[in-house]
Amino acid sequence: MTAERVKRTQPRALRTRAKMLQALEKLLKTKEFDQIAVTEIASEAGVAVGSIYSHFADKDAFLEALLEEWRARLEQRLTDVQASDLEAELRAEGSLRAALHMVVQYNYEQLEQEKHIIRATHHYLRQKMKADEDVWRHLQERAFQTVEAIVDVYAEEVRRTDTVKAAKMLNYSLNAIFTEWTVYRERGVPAALALGNEEFVHEVAELVFGYLTTPD
């Protein structure tokens, strides 16, 4: 293959790969990953089954590709947030409680948009994080900086002595609570709560508010 032909082929291959991932994402919004066949992905993407295997070794290889896309989205989201005047936005809410409700609502909406990816990659993600721990730790540190701003802006309302630890607990709690809600909403503890989405978000914000305003 000539260099010119390779140059023409590469963008087309990237577009085809993107179409496959978009097809899988669409299918994941209505079906679990294990229930989706490679033939369905090919059909949804409008490509031949053989084309799938020229881009991915098997169906499980889609999970790694989806995870990389999700990580890129998180990176961009954090970049956008950190580029904005976050402290001004938090102060505009007028109180710690209002700021927490705003932040919790924002986090929920972002996870809700990508719950299909989170569900599909949940178990794989746990393994991947062990193998790629430094990258994920970097994302966690950036997310922590964003959450820390809430504690700094409303320091006069926060009653925790160690505000750095409090911010870390806030970041951890929001991630853990929303991940469990996203992955296990239809079963287990989240299902037993019997709460609607808006009510759930409200209660999470109140839970965090109670923690931050309760003295050590």
N, C-alpha and C. Protein backbone atom coordinates (compact mmCIF):
# COMPACT_ATOMS: atom_id res chain seq x y z
N MET A 1 0.85 -1.19 0.00
CA MET A 1 0.00 0.00 0.00
C MET A 1 0.89 1.24 0.00
N THR A 2 0.62 2.16 -0.92
CA THR A 2 1.42 3.37 -1.01
C THR A 2 1.13 4.30 0.16
N ALA A 3 2.08 5.22 0.40
CA ALA A 3 1.91 6.18 1.49
C ALA A 3 0.66 7.03 1.29
N GLU A 4 0.39 7.39 0.00
CA GLU A 4 -0.78 8.21 -0.29
C GLU A 4 -2.07 7.46 0.02
N ARG A 5 -2.09 6.17 -0.30
CA ARG A 5 -3.29 5.38 -0.03
C ARG A 5 -3.51 5.21 1.47
N VAL A 6 -2.40 5.02 2.20
CA VAL A 6 -2.50 4.91 3.66
C VAL A 6 -3.07 6.20 4.23
N LYS A 7 -2.60 7.34 3.68
CA LYS A 7 -3.07 8.64 4.15
C LYS A 7 -4.57 8.78 3.95
N ARG A 8 -5.07 8.27 2.81
CA ARG A 8 -6.51 8.36 2.53
C ARG A 8 -7.32 7.38 3.37
N THR A 9 -6.73 6.23 3.64
CA THR A 9 -7.45 5.16 4.34
C THR A 9 -7.60 5.41 5.83
N GLN A 10 -6.61 5.99 6.46
CA GLN A 10 -6.64 6.17 7.91
C GLN A 10 -7.83 6.98 8.41
N PRO A 11 -8.14 8.14 7.83
CA PRO A 11 -9.32 8.88 8.31
C PRO A 11 -10.61 8.08 8.15
N ARG A 12 -10.72 7.32 7.05
CA ARG A 12 -11.91 6.51 6.83
C ARG A 12 -12.01 5.42 7.89
N ALA A 13 -10.87 4.83 8.24
CA ALA A 13 -10.87 3.78 9.27
C ALA A 13 -11.27 4.35 10.62
N LEU A 14 -10.80 5.56 10.92
CA LEU A 14 -11.15 6.19 12.18
C LEU A 14 -12.64 6.52 12.24
N ARG A 15 -13.18 6.96 11.11
CA ARG A 15 -14.63 7.25 11.06
C ARG A 15 -15.44 5.97 11.26
N THR A 16 -14.98 4.88 10.65
CA THR A 16 -15.68 3.60 10.79
C THR A 16 -15.64 3.13 12.23
N ARG A 17 -14.48 3.26 12.86
CA ARG A 17 -14.34 2.86 14.27
C ARG A 17 -15.26 3.69 15.15
N ALA A 18 -15.31 4.99 14.88
CA ALA A 18 -16.18 5.88 15.66
C ALA A 18 -17.65 5.49 15.49
N LYS A 19 -18.03 5.12 14.28
CA LYS A 19 -19.41 4.69 14.02
C LYS A 19 -19.76 3.45 14.82
N MET A 20 -18.79 2.54 14.95
CA MET A 20 -19.02 1.31 15.71
C MET A 20 -19.23 1.62 17.20
N LEU A 21 -18.40 2.50 17.73
CA LEU A 21 -18.53 2.86 19.13
C LEU A 21 -19.84 3.62 19.38
N GLN A 22 -20.22 4.48 18.45
CA GLN A 22 -21.50 5.20 18.58
C GLN A 22 -22.67 4.22 18.52
N ALA A 23 -22.53 3.20 17.67
CA ALA A 23 -23.59 2.19 17.57
C ALA A 23 -23.73 1.43 18.88
N LEU A 24 -22.60 1.05 19.46
CA LEU A 24 -22.64 0.33 20.73
C LEU A 24 -23.23 1.21 21.82
N GLU A 25 -22.84 2.47 21.86
CA GLU A 25 -23.40 3.38 22.87
C GLU A 25 -24.91 3.47 22.75
N LYS A 26 -25.41 3.56 21.54
CA LYS A 26 -26.85 3.65 21.33
C LYS A 26 -27.54 2.39 21.83
N LEU A 27 -26.97 1.24 21.54
CA LEU A 27 -27.56 -0.03 21.97
C LEU A 27 -27.52 -0.18 23.49
N LEU A 28 -26.46 0.34 24.11
CA LEU A 28 -26.32 0.22 25.56
C LEU A 28 -27.37 1.03 26.32
N LYS A 29 -27.99 1.97 25.66
CA LYS A 29 -29.01 2.78 26.33
C LYS A 29 -30.30 2.00 26.56
N THR A 30 -30.44 0.86 25.86
CA THR A 30 -31.65 0.05 26.03
C THR A 30 -31.36 -1.41 26.39
N LYS A 31 -30.09 -1.83 26.31
CA LYS A 31 -29.75 -3.23 26.59
C LYS A 31 -28.45 -3.32 27.38
N GLU A 32 -28.32 -4.40 28.14
CA GLU A 32 -27.07 -4.65 28.85
C GLU A 32 -26.01 -5.12 27.86
N PHE A 33 -24.74 -4.89 28.18
CA PHE A 33 -23.65 -5.23 27.28
C PHE A 33 -23.67 -6.72 26.92
N ASP A 34 -23.91 -7.57 27.91
CA ASP A 34 -23.90 -9.02 27.66
C ASP A 34 -25.00 -9.46 26.71
N GLN A 35 -26.03 -8.64 26.56
CA GLN A 35 -27.15 -9.00 25.70
C GLN A 35 -26.98 -8.52 24.26
N ILE A 36 -25.91 -7.78 24.02
CA ILE A 36 -25.68 -7.22 22.69
C ILE A 36 -24.73 -8.10 21.90
N ALA A 37 -25.15 -8.49 20.71
CA ALA A 37 -24.31 -9.32 19.85
C ALA A 37 -23.50 -8.45 18.90
N VAL A 38 -22.37 -8.99 18.46
CA VAL A 38 -21.52 -8.26 17.52
C VAL A 38 -22.31 -7.94 16.24
N THR A 39 -23.18 -8.85 15.85
CA THR A 39 -23.98 -8.62 14.64
C THR A 39 -24.90 -7.41 14.81
N GLU A 40 -25.39 -7.18 16.03
CA GLU A 40 -26.24 -6.01 16.28
C GLU A 40 -25.44 -4.72 16.16
N ILE A 41 -24.21 -4.75 16.68
CA ILE A 41 -23.36 -3.57 16.59
C ILE A 41 -23.08 -3.24 15.12
N ALA A 42 -22.76 -4.28 14.35
CA ALA A 42 -22.46 -4.10 12.93
C ALA A 42 -23.68 -3.54 12.19
N SER A 43 -24.84 -4.09 12.50
CA SER A 43 -26.07 -3.65 11.84
C SER A 43 -26.37 -2.20 12.17
N GLU A 44 -26.24 -1.85 13.45
CA GLU A 44 -26.52 -0.48 13.88
C GLU A 44 -25.53 0.51 13.26
N ALA A 45 -24.28 0.07 13.10
CA ALA A 45 -23.25 0.94 12.53
C ALA A 45 -23.29 0.97 11.01
N GLY A 46 -24.02 0.01 10.43
CA GLY A 46 -24.09 -0.04 8.97
C GLY A 46 -22.82 -0.56 8.33
N VAL A 47 -22.15 -1.51 9.02
CA VAL A 47 -20.92 -2.09 8.49
C VAL A 47 -21.03 -3.61 8.51
N ALA A 48 -20.13 -4.27 7.81
CA ALA A 48 -20.10 -5.72 7.81
C ALA A 48 -19.50 -6.24 9.11
N VAL A 49 -19.93 -7.43 9.53
CA VAL A 49 -19.41 -8.03 10.77
C VAL A 49 -17.90 -8.15 10.70
N GLY A 50 -17.38 -8.51 9.53
CA GLY A 50 -15.94 -8.64 9.38
C GLY A 50 -15.20 -7.35 9.65
N SER A 51 -15.85 -6.24 9.39
CA SER A 51 -15.23 -4.94 9.63
C SER A 51 -15.04 -4.70 11.13
N ILE A 52 -15.97 -5.23 11.93
CA ILE A 52 -15.84 -5.11 13.38
C ILE A 52 -14.51 -5.71 13.84
N TYR A 53 -14.23 -6.91 13.34
CA TYR A 53 -13.04 -7.63 13.80
C TYR A 53 -11.74 -7.09 13.20
N SER A 54 -11.85 -6.19 12.24
CA SER A 54 -10.64 -5.55 11.74
C SER A 54 -10.26 -4.36 12.63
N HIS A 55 -11.17 -3.97 13.53
CA HIS A 55 -10.91 -2.87 14.44
C HIS A 55 -10.81 -3.32 15.90
N PHE A 56 -11.54 -4.38 16.24
CA PHE A 56 -11.55 -4.88 17.62
C PHE A 56 -11.34 -6.38 17.63
N ALA A 57 -10.50 -6.86 18.52
CA ALA A 57 -10.21 -8.30 18.59
C ALA A 57 -11.45 -9.10 18.92
N ASP A 58 -12.29 -8.58 19.80
CA ASP A 58 -13.53 -9.26 20.18
C ASP A 58 -14.47 -8.21 20.80
N LYS A 59 -15.64 -8.66 21.21
CA LYS A 59 -16.61 -7.70 21.74
C LYS A 59 -16.10 -7.03 23.02
N ASP A 60 -15.36 -7.77 23.83
CA ASP A 60 -14.85 -7.20 25.07
C ASP A 60 -13.89 -6.04 24.82
N ALA A 61 -13.24 -6.04 23.65
CA ALA A 61 -12.30 -4.96 23.33
C ALA A 61 -13.02 -3.63 23.22
N PHE A 62 -14.34 -3.68 22.98
CA PHE A 62 -15.12 -2.44 22.95
C PHE A 62 -15.10 -1.74 24.30
N LEU A 63 -15.03 -2.52 25.38
CA LEU A 63 -15.07 -1.94 26.72
C LEU A 63 -13.88 -1.03 26.96
N GLU A 64 -12.71 -1.47 26.54
CA GLU A 64 -11.53 -0.63 26.72
C GLU A 64 -11.64 0.64 25.90
N ALA A 65 -12.16 0.53 24.68
CA ALA A 65 -12.33 1.71 23.84
C ALA A 65 -13.35 2.68 24.45
N LEU A 66 -14.44 2.14 24.99
CA LEU A 66 -15.45 2.98 25.64
C LEU A 66 -14.88 3.66 26.87
N LEU A 67 -14.06 2.92 27.62
CA LEU A 67 -13.45 3.47 28.82
C LEU A 67 -12.52 4.63 28.47
N GLU A 68 -11.76 4.48 27.41
CA GLU A 68 -10.86 5.55 26.99
C GLU A 68 -11.65 6.79 26.57
N GLU A 69 -12.78 6.58 25.88
CA GLU A 69 -13.62 7.72 25.49
C GLU A 69 -14.20 8.41 26.72
N TRP A 70 -14.63 7.62 27.67
CA TRP A 70 -15.21 8.17 28.90
C TRP A 70 -14.16 8.97 29.66
N ARG A 71 -12.95 8.44 29.74
CA ARG A 71 -11.88 9.15 30.44
C ARG A 71 -11.57 10.48 29.74
N ALA A 72 -11.59 10.48 28.42
CA ALA A 72 -11.34 11.71 27.68
C ALA A 72 -12.44 12.74 27.98
N ARG A 73 -13.67 12.27 28.10
CA ARG A 73 -14.78 13.18 28.41
C ARG A 73 -14.60 13.77 29.81
N LEU A 74 -14.18 12.94 30.76
CA LEU A 74 -13.96 13.42 32.12
C LEU A 74 -12.85 14.46 32.14
N GLU A 75 -11.77 14.19 31.41
CA GLU A 75 -10.66 15.14 31.33
C GLU A 75 -11.15 16.49 30.79
N GLN A 76 -11.93 16.46 29.72
CA GLN A 76 -12.42 17.69 29.11
C GLN A 76 -13.38 18.42 30.05
N ARG A 77 -14.22 17.65 30.73
CA ARG A 77 -15.18 18.25 31.66
C ARG A 77 -14.46 18.98 32.79
N LEU A 78 -13.44 18.33 33.33
CA LEU A 78 -12.68 18.95 34.41
C LEU A 78 -11.93 20.18 33.92
N THR A 79 -11.41 20.11 32.70
CA THR A 79 -10.73 21.25 32.11
C THR A 79 -11.68 22.43 31.97
N ASP A 80 -12.90 22.15 31.50
CA ASP A 80 -13.90 23.20 31.32
C ASP A 80 -14.28 23.84 32.66
N VAL A 81 -14.48 22.98 33.67
CA VAL A 81 -14.86 23.48 34.99
C VAL A 81 -13.75 24.34 35.58
N GLN A 82 -12.52 23.86 35.47
CA GLN A 82 -11.40 24.58 36.06
C GLN A 82 -11.07 25.86 35.29
N ALA A 83 -11.49 25.92 34.04
CA ALA A 83 -11.27 27.13 33.24
C ALA A 83 -12.30 28.20 33.56
N SER A 84 -13.40 27.79 34.17
CA SER A 84 -14.44 28.76 34.52
C SER A 84 -14.12 29.39 35.87
N ASP A 85 -14.87 30.42 36.23
CA ASP A 85 -14.69 31.06 37.53
C ASP A 85 -15.57 30.32 38.53
N LEU A 86 -15.07 29.16 38.94
CA LEU A 86 -15.86 28.27 39.80
C LEU A 86 -16.22 28.92 41.13
N GLU A 87 -15.27 29.60 41.73
CA GLU A 87 -15.54 30.23 43.02
C GLU A 87 -16.65 31.26 42.91
N ALA A 88 -16.65 32.00 41.82
CA ALA A 88 -17.70 33.02 41.63
C ALA A 88 -19.06 32.35 41.48
N GLU A 89 -19.08 31.24 40.74
CA GLU A 89 -20.34 30.51 40.55
C GLU A 89 -20.86 29.96 41.88
N LEU A 90 -19.95 29.47 42.71
CA LEU A 90 -20.36 28.93 44.01
C LEU A 90 -20.85 30.04 44.93
N ARG A 91 -20.15 31.17 44.92
CA ARG A 91 -20.58 32.30 45.76
C ARG A 91 -21.95 32.81 45.33
N ALA A 92 -22.21 32.74 44.04
CA ALA A 92 -23.49 33.24 43.51
C ALA A 92 -24.66 32.43 44.05
N GLU A 93 -24.41 31.21 44.50
CA GLU A 93 -25.48 30.39 45.07
C GLU A 93 -25.93 30.93 46.42
N GLY A 94 -25.06 31.65 47.11
CA GLY A 94 -25.46 32.35 48.33
C GLY A 94 -25.28 31.60 49.64
N SER A 95 -25.16 30.29 49.58
CA SER A 95 -24.99 29.53 50.82
C SER A 95 -24.37 28.17 50.50
N LEU A 96 -23.80 27.56 51.53
CA LEU A 96 -23.20 26.23 51.37
C LEU A 96 -24.24 25.23 50.90
N ARG A 97 -25.42 25.27 51.51
CA ARG A 97 -26.47 24.31 51.15
C ARG A 97 -26.86 24.46 49.68
N ALA A 98 -27.07 25.68 49.23
CA ALA A 98 -27.46 25.90 47.84
C ALA A 98 -26.35 25.47 46.89
N ALA A 99 -25.09 25.77 47.24
CA ALA A 99 -23.96 25.39 46.40
C ALA A 99 -23.85 23.87 46.30
N LEU A 100 -24.07 23.19 47.40
CA LEU A 100 -24.01 21.72 47.39
C LEU A 100 -25.10 21.14 46.50
N HIS A 101 -26.29 21.71 46.59
CA HIS A 101 -27.38 21.21 45.75
C HIS A 101 -27.04 21.42 44.26
N MET A 102 -26.42 22.55 43.94
CA MET A 102 -26.04 22.82 42.56
C MET A 102 -24.99 21.82 42.07
N VAL A 103 -23.97 21.58 42.89
CA VAL A 103 -22.88 20.68 42.51
C VAL A 103 -23.36 19.24 42.41
N VAL A 104 -24.16 18.82 43.38
CA VAL A 104 -24.68 17.45 43.36
C VAL A 104 -25.57 17.24 42.14
N GLN A 105 -26.40 18.21 41.82
CA GLN A 105 -27.26 18.12 40.64
C GLN A 105 -26.42 18.02 39.38
N TYR A 106 -25.37 18.82 39.29
CA TYR A 106 -24.49 18.79 38.11
C TYR A 106 -23.84 17.42 37.97
N ASN A 107 -23.29 16.90 39.07
CA ASN A 107 -22.65 15.58 39.02
C ASN A 107 -23.64 14.50 38.60
N TYR A 108 -24.83 14.58 39.15
CA TYR A 108 -25.84 13.58 38.80
C TYR A 108 -26.17 13.63 37.31
N GLU A 109 -26.38 14.81 36.79
CA GLU A 109 -26.74 14.95 35.37
C GLU A 109 -25.65 14.40 34.45
N GLN A 110 -24.38 14.64 34.81
CA GLN A 110 -23.29 14.14 33.99
C GLN A 110 -23.24 12.61 34.00
N LEU A 111 -23.41 12.02 35.18
CA LEU A 111 -23.41 10.55 35.27
C LEU A 111 -24.62 9.95 34.58
N GLU A 112 -25.74 10.63 34.69
CA GLU A 112 -26.97 10.14 34.06
C GLU A 112 -26.79 10.05 32.54
N GLN A 113 -26.09 11.01 31.97
CA GLN A 113 -25.86 11.01 30.52
C GLN A 113 -25.00 9.84 30.08
N GLU A 114 -24.13 9.35 30.98
CA GLU A 114 -23.19 8.31 30.60
C GLU A 114 -23.38 7.03 31.39
N LYS A 115 -24.56 6.84 31.97
CA LYS A 115 -24.78 5.66 32.79
C LYS A 115 -24.63 4.37 32.01
N HIS A 116 -24.95 4.40 30.71
CA HIS A 116 -24.81 3.20 29.89
C HIS A 116 -23.35 2.77 29.78
N ILE A 117 -22.44 3.73 29.69
CA ILE A 117 -21.02 3.41 29.64
C ILE A 117 -20.54 2.93 31.01
N ILE A 118 -20.99 3.60 32.06
CA ILE A 118 -20.56 3.23 33.40
C ILE A 118 -20.99 1.81 33.74
N ARG A 119 -22.23 1.47 33.40
CA ARG A 119 -22.71 0.12 33.66
C ARG A 119 -21.90 -0.92 32.89
N ALA A 120 -21.67 -0.64 31.61
CA ALA A 120 -20.99 -1.61 30.75
C ALA A 120 -19.54 -1.83 31.15
N THR A 121 -18.90 -0.79 31.64
CA THR A 121 -17.48 -0.90 31.94
C THR A 121 -17.18 -1.04 33.43
N HIS A 122 -18.22 -1.17 34.25
CA HIS A 122 -18.04 -1.15 35.71
C HIS A 122 -17.00 -2.15 36.18
N HIS A 123 -17.19 -3.42 35.86
CA HIS A 123 -16.26 -4.44 36.34
C HIS A 123 -14.90 -4.33 35.66
N TYR A 124 -14.93 -4.02 34.38
CA TYR A 124 -13.68 -3.83 33.66
C TYR A 124 -12.92 -2.63 34.23
N LEU A 125 -13.66 -1.59 34.57
CA LEU A 125 -13.05 -0.38 35.08
C LEU A 125 -12.28 -0.65 36.36
N ARG A 126 -12.82 -1.48 37.22
CA ARG A 126 -12.15 -1.79 38.48
C ARG A 126 -10.81 -2.45 38.22
N GLN A 127 -10.74 -3.33 37.24
CA GLN A 127 -9.49 -3.98 36.88
C GLN A 127 -8.54 -2.99 36.21
N LYS A 128 -9.08 -2.17 35.34
CA LYS A 128 -8.28 -1.22 34.59
C LYS A 128 -7.64 -0.20 35.51
N MET A 129 -8.37 0.22 36.53
CA MET A 129 -7.84 1.22 37.44
C MET A 129 -6.60 0.70 38.18
N LYS A 130 -6.58 -0.62 38.44
CA LYS A 130 -5.40 -1.18 39.10
C LYS A 130 -4.20 -1.15 38.17
N ALA A 131 -4.45 -1.40 36.89
CA ALA A 131 -3.36 -1.43 35.92
C ALA A 131 -2.94 -0.04 35.47
N ASP A 132 -3.82 0.93 35.61
CA ASP A 132 -3.56 2.29 35.12
C ASP A 132 -3.82 3.28 36.25
N GLU A 133 -3.34 2.94 37.42
CA GLU A 133 -3.69 3.65 38.64
C GLU A 133 -3.27 5.12 38.63
N ASP A 134 -2.11 5.42 38.07
CA ASP A 134 -1.62 6.80 38.09
C ASP A 134 -2.53 7.74 37.32
N VAL A 135 -3.04 7.28 36.16
CA VAL A 135 -3.91 8.12 35.34
C VAL A 135 -5.20 8.43 36.08
N TRP A 136 -5.79 7.40 36.69
CA TRP A 136 -7.05 7.61 37.40
C TRP A 136 -6.85 8.42 38.67
N ARG A 137 -5.69 8.26 39.32
CA ARG A 137 -5.42 9.06 40.50
C ARG A 137 -5.33 10.54 40.12
N HIS A 138 -4.76 10.81 38.95
CA HIS A 138 -4.66 12.18 38.46
C HIS A 138 -6.05 12.79 38.27
N LEU A 139 -6.97 12.01 37.70
CA LEU A 139 -8.34 12.49 37.51
C LEU A 139 -9.01 12.75 38.85
N GLN A 140 -8.79 11.85 39.81
CA GLN A 140 -9.38 12.02 41.13
C GLN A 140 -8.85 13.29 41.80
N GLU A 141 -7.55 13.56 41.63
CA GLU A 141 -6.96 14.75 42.23
C GLU A 141 -7.55 16.02 41.62
N ARG A 142 -7.78 16.01 40.32
CA ARG A 142 -8.39 17.17 39.67
C ARG A 142 -9.83 17.36 40.13
N ALA A 143 -10.55 16.25 40.26
CA ALA A 143 -11.94 16.33 40.75
C ALA A 143 -11.96 16.83 42.18
N PHE A 144 -10.99 16.41 42.98
CA PHE A 144 -10.91 16.85 44.37
C PHE A 144 -10.71 18.36 44.45
N GLN A 145 -9.89 18.91 43.56
CA GLN A 145 -9.65 20.36 43.56
C GLN A 145 -10.95 21.13 43.31
N THR A 146 -11.80 20.58 42.45
CA THR A 146 -13.08 21.22 42.16
C THR A 146 -13.99 21.21 43.38
N VAL A 147 -14.07 20.05 44.03
CA VAL A 147 -14.91 19.92 45.22
C VAL A 147 -14.36 20.76 46.37
N GLU A 148 -13.05 20.83 46.48
CA GLU A 148 -12.41 21.59 47.55
C GLU A 148 -12.84 23.05 47.52
N ALA A 149 -13.15 23.55 46.33
CA ALA A 149 -13.55 24.95 46.20
C ALA A 149 -14.81 25.25 47.00
N ILE A 150 -15.72 24.28 47.08
CA ILE A 150 -16.96 24.49 47.85
C ILE A 150 -16.63 24.73 49.31
N VAL A 151 -15.75 23.90 49.85
CA VAL A 151 -15.36 24.02 51.26
C VAL A 151 -14.64 25.33 51.50
N ASP A 152 -13.81 25.76 50.56
CA ASP A 152 -13.07 27.01 50.72
C ASP A 152 -14.00 28.22 50.67
N VAL A 153 -14.90 28.24 49.70
CA VAL A 153 -15.79 29.39 49.53
C VAL A 153 -16.71 29.57 50.73
N TYR A 154 -17.19 28.46 51.28
CA TYR A 154 -18.13 28.55 52.40
C TYR A 154 -17.50 28.03 53.70
N ALA A 155 -16.24 28.40 53.89
CA ALA A 155 -15.49 27.95 55.07
C ALA A 155 -16.17 28.35 56.38
N GLU A 156 -16.85 29.51 56.35
CA GLU A 156 -17.49 29.97 57.60
C GLU A 156 -18.67 29.10 58.00
N GLU A 157 -19.22 28.34 57.07
CA GLU A 157 -20.33 27.45 57.40
C GLU A 157 -19.89 26.03 57.72
N VAL A 158 -18.71 25.67 57.26
CA VAL A 158 -18.20 24.30 57.47
C VAL A 158 -17.71 24.16 58.90
N ARG A 159 -18.10 23.08 59.55
CA ARG A 159 -17.75 22.86 60.95
C ARG A 159 -16.73 21.73 61.14
N ARG A 160 -16.26 21.17 60.06
CA ARG A 160 -15.23 20.14 60.17
C ARG A 160 -13.88 20.82 60.41
N THR A 161 -13.11 20.29 61.35
CA THR A 161 -11.81 20.89 61.68
C THR A 161 -10.82 20.73 60.55
N ASP A 162 -10.73 19.53 60.00
CA ASP A 162 -9.80 19.25 58.90
C ASP A 162 -10.56 19.41 57.59
N THR A 163 -10.49 20.60 57.02
CA THR A 163 -11.28 20.88 55.80
C THR A 163 -10.75 20.13 54.58
N VAL A 164 -9.45 19.85 54.55
CA VAL A 164 -8.89 19.07 53.42
C VAL A 164 -9.47 17.66 53.43
N LYS A 165 -9.49 17.06 54.60
CA LYS A 165 -10.06 15.71 54.72
C LYS A 165 -11.55 15.74 54.41
N ALA A 166 -12.23 16.80 54.85
CA ALA A 166 -13.66 16.92 54.60
C ALA A 166 -13.93 16.99 53.10
N ALA A 167 -13.12 17.75 52.37
CA ALA A 167 -13.29 17.87 50.92
C ALA A 167 -13.04 16.52 50.23
N LYS A 168 -12.04 15.79 50.70
CA LYS A 168 -11.76 14.47 50.14
C LYS A 168 -12.92 13.51 50.40
N MET A 169 -13.48 13.57 51.60
CA MET A 169 -14.63 12.72 51.92
C MET A 169 -15.83 13.09 51.06
N LEU A 170 -16.00 14.37 50.81
CA LEU A 170 -17.10 14.82 49.96
C LEU A 170 -16.93 14.28 48.54
N ASN A 171 -15.74 14.39 48.01
CA ASN A 171 -15.46 13.89 46.66
C ASN A 171 -15.67 12.38 46.58
N TYR A 172 -15.15 11.67 47.57
CA TYR A 172 -15.30 10.21 47.60
C TYR A 172 -16.77 9.81 47.72
N SER A 173 -17.48 10.45 48.61
CA SER A 173 -18.88 10.10 48.85
C SER A 173 -19.73 10.29 47.61
N LEU A 174 -19.55 11.42 46.93
CA LEU A 174 -20.35 11.69 45.74
C LEU A 174 -20.06 10.66 44.65
N ASN A 175 -18.79 10.32 44.47
CA ASN A 175 -18.43 9.32 43.47
C ASN A 175 -19.01 7.95 43.80
N ALA A 176 -18.86 7.54 45.05
CA ALA A 176 -19.34 6.21 45.47
C ALA A 176 -20.86 6.12 45.39
N ILE A 177 -21.54 7.13 45.91
CA ILE A 177 -23.01 7.11 45.93
C ILE A 177 -23.59 7.11 44.53
N PHE A 178 -23.10 7.98 43.67
CA PHE A 178 -23.66 8.08 42.33
C PHE A 178 -23.28 6.90 41.45
N THR A 179 -22.10 6.33 41.66
CA THR A 179 -21.73 5.14 40.88
C THR A 179 -22.63 3.97 41.24
N GLU A 180 -22.88 3.79 42.54
CA GLU A 180 -23.77 2.69 42.95
C GLU A 180 -25.19 2.93 42.44
N TRP A 181 -25.64 4.17 42.50
CA TRP A 181 -26.98 4.50 42.01
C TRP A 181 -27.09 4.23 40.52
N THR A 182 -26.04 4.56 39.79
CA THR A 182 -26.04 4.39 38.35
C THR A 182 -26.01 2.91 37.95
N VAL A 183 -25.15 2.14 38.61
CA VAL A 183 -24.94 0.73 38.22
C VAL A 183 -26.02 -0.18 38.77
N TYR A 184 -26.46 0.08 40.00
CA TYR A 184 -27.38 -0.85 40.66
C TYR A 184 -28.75 -0.25 40.96
N ARG A 185 -29.15 0.76 40.19
CA ARG A 185 -30.40 1.46 40.48
C ARG A 185 -31.62 0.53 40.49
N GLU A 186 -31.61 -0.46 39.64
CA GLU A 186 -32.78 -1.34 39.51
C GLU A 186 -32.79 -2.49 40.51
N ARG A 187 -31.72 -2.61 41.30
CA ARG A 187 -31.67 -3.72 42.24
C ARG A 187 -30.82 -3.32 43.44
N GLY A 188 -30.81 -4.17 44.47
CA GLY A 188 -29.98 -3.91 45.63
C GLY A 188 -30.46 -2.71 46.44
N VAL A 189 -29.53 -2.09 47.15
CA VAL A 189 -29.86 -0.99 48.06
C VAL A 189 -30.52 0.19 47.34
N PRO A 190 -30.02 0.66 46.17
CA PRO A 190 -30.69 1.78 45.50
C PRO A 190 -32.15 1.51 45.21
N ALA A 191 -32.46 0.30 44.78
CA ALA A 191 -33.86 -0.04 44.49
C ALA A 191 -34.70 -0.02 45.76
N ALA A 192 -34.10 -0.46 46.87
CA ALA A 192 -34.84 -0.49 48.14
C ALA A 192 -35.17 0.91 48.65
N LEU A 193 -34.41 1.91 48.22
CA LEU A 193 -34.69 3.28 48.65
C LEU A 193 -36.02 3.79 48.11
N ALA A 194 -36.39 3.29 46.94
CA ALA A 194 -37.66 3.67 46.30
C ALA A 194 -37.78 5.19 46.18
N LEU A 195 -36.72 5.84 45.70
CA LEU A 195 -36.73 7.29 45.52
C LEU A 195 -36.67 7.64 44.04
N GLY A 196 -37.35 8.72 43.67
CA GLY A 196 -37.23 9.23 42.31
C GLY A 196 -35.89 9.93 42.17
N ASN A 197 -35.49 10.22 40.94
CA ASN A 197 -34.18 10.82 40.72
C ASN A 197 -34.03 12.18 41.41
N GLU A 198 -35.02 13.05 41.27
CA GLU A 198 -34.92 14.38 41.89
C GLU A 198 -34.85 14.29 43.41
N GLU A 199 -35.67 13.40 43.97
CA GLU A 199 -35.68 13.24 45.42
C GLU A 199 -34.34 12.68 45.89
N PHE A 200 -33.79 11.74 45.13
CA PHE A 200 -32.51 11.15 45.48
C PHE A 200 -31.40 12.21 45.49
N VAL A 201 -31.35 13.03 44.44
CA VAL A 201 -30.33 14.09 44.36
C VAL A 201 -30.46 15.05 45.53
N HIS A 202 -31.70 15.41 45.87
CA HIS A 202 -31.95 16.31 47.00
C HIS A 202 -31.42 15.71 48.30
N GLU A 203 -31.71 14.44 48.53
CA GLU A 203 -31.30 13.79 49.78
C GLU A 203 -29.78 13.66 49.86
N VAL A 204 -29.13 13.40 48.75
CA VAL A 204 -27.66 13.31 48.75
C VAL A 204 -27.06 14.65 49.13
N ALA A 205 -27.57 15.74 48.56
CA ALA A 205 -27.07 17.07 48.89
C ALA A 205 -27.27 17.38 50.37
N GLU A 206 -28.43 17.01 50.92
CA GLU A 206 -28.70 17.24 52.33
C GLU A 206 -27.80 16.39 53.22
N LEU A 207 -27.50 15.19 52.78
CA LEU A 207 -26.62 14.30 53.53
C LEU A 207 -25.22 14.91 53.64
N VAL A 208 -24.72 15.41 52.52
CA VAL A 208 -23.40 16.02 52.49
C VAL A 208 -23.39 17.32 53.31
N PHE A 209 -24.45 18.09 53.19
CA PHE A 209 -24.56 19.33 53.97
C PHE A 209 -24.51 19.03 55.46
N GLY A 210 -25.22 18.00 55.87
CA GLY A 210 -25.22 17.63 57.29
C GLY A 210 -23.84 17.25 57.78
N TYR A 211 -23.11 16.54 56.94
CA TYR A 211 -21.74 16.13 57.32
C TYR A 211 -20.84 17.34 57.48
N LEU A 212 -20.87 18.25 56.51
CA LEU A 212 -19.97 19.40 56.54
C LEU A 212 -20.29 20.38 57.66
N THR A 213 -21.54 20.44 58.08
CA THR A 213 -21.95 21.41 59.09
C THR A 213 -22.04 20.82 60.49
N THR A 214 -21.68 19.54 60.63
CA THR A 214 -21.67 18.91 61.95
C THR A 214 -20.26 18.98 62.52
N PRO A 215 -20.08 19.54 63.71
CA PRO A 215 -18.73 19.65 64.29
C PRO A 215 -18.11 18.27 64.49
N ASP A 216 -16.78 18.22 64.48
CA ASP A 216 -16.05 16.97 64.71
C ASP A 216 -16.44 16.37 66.06
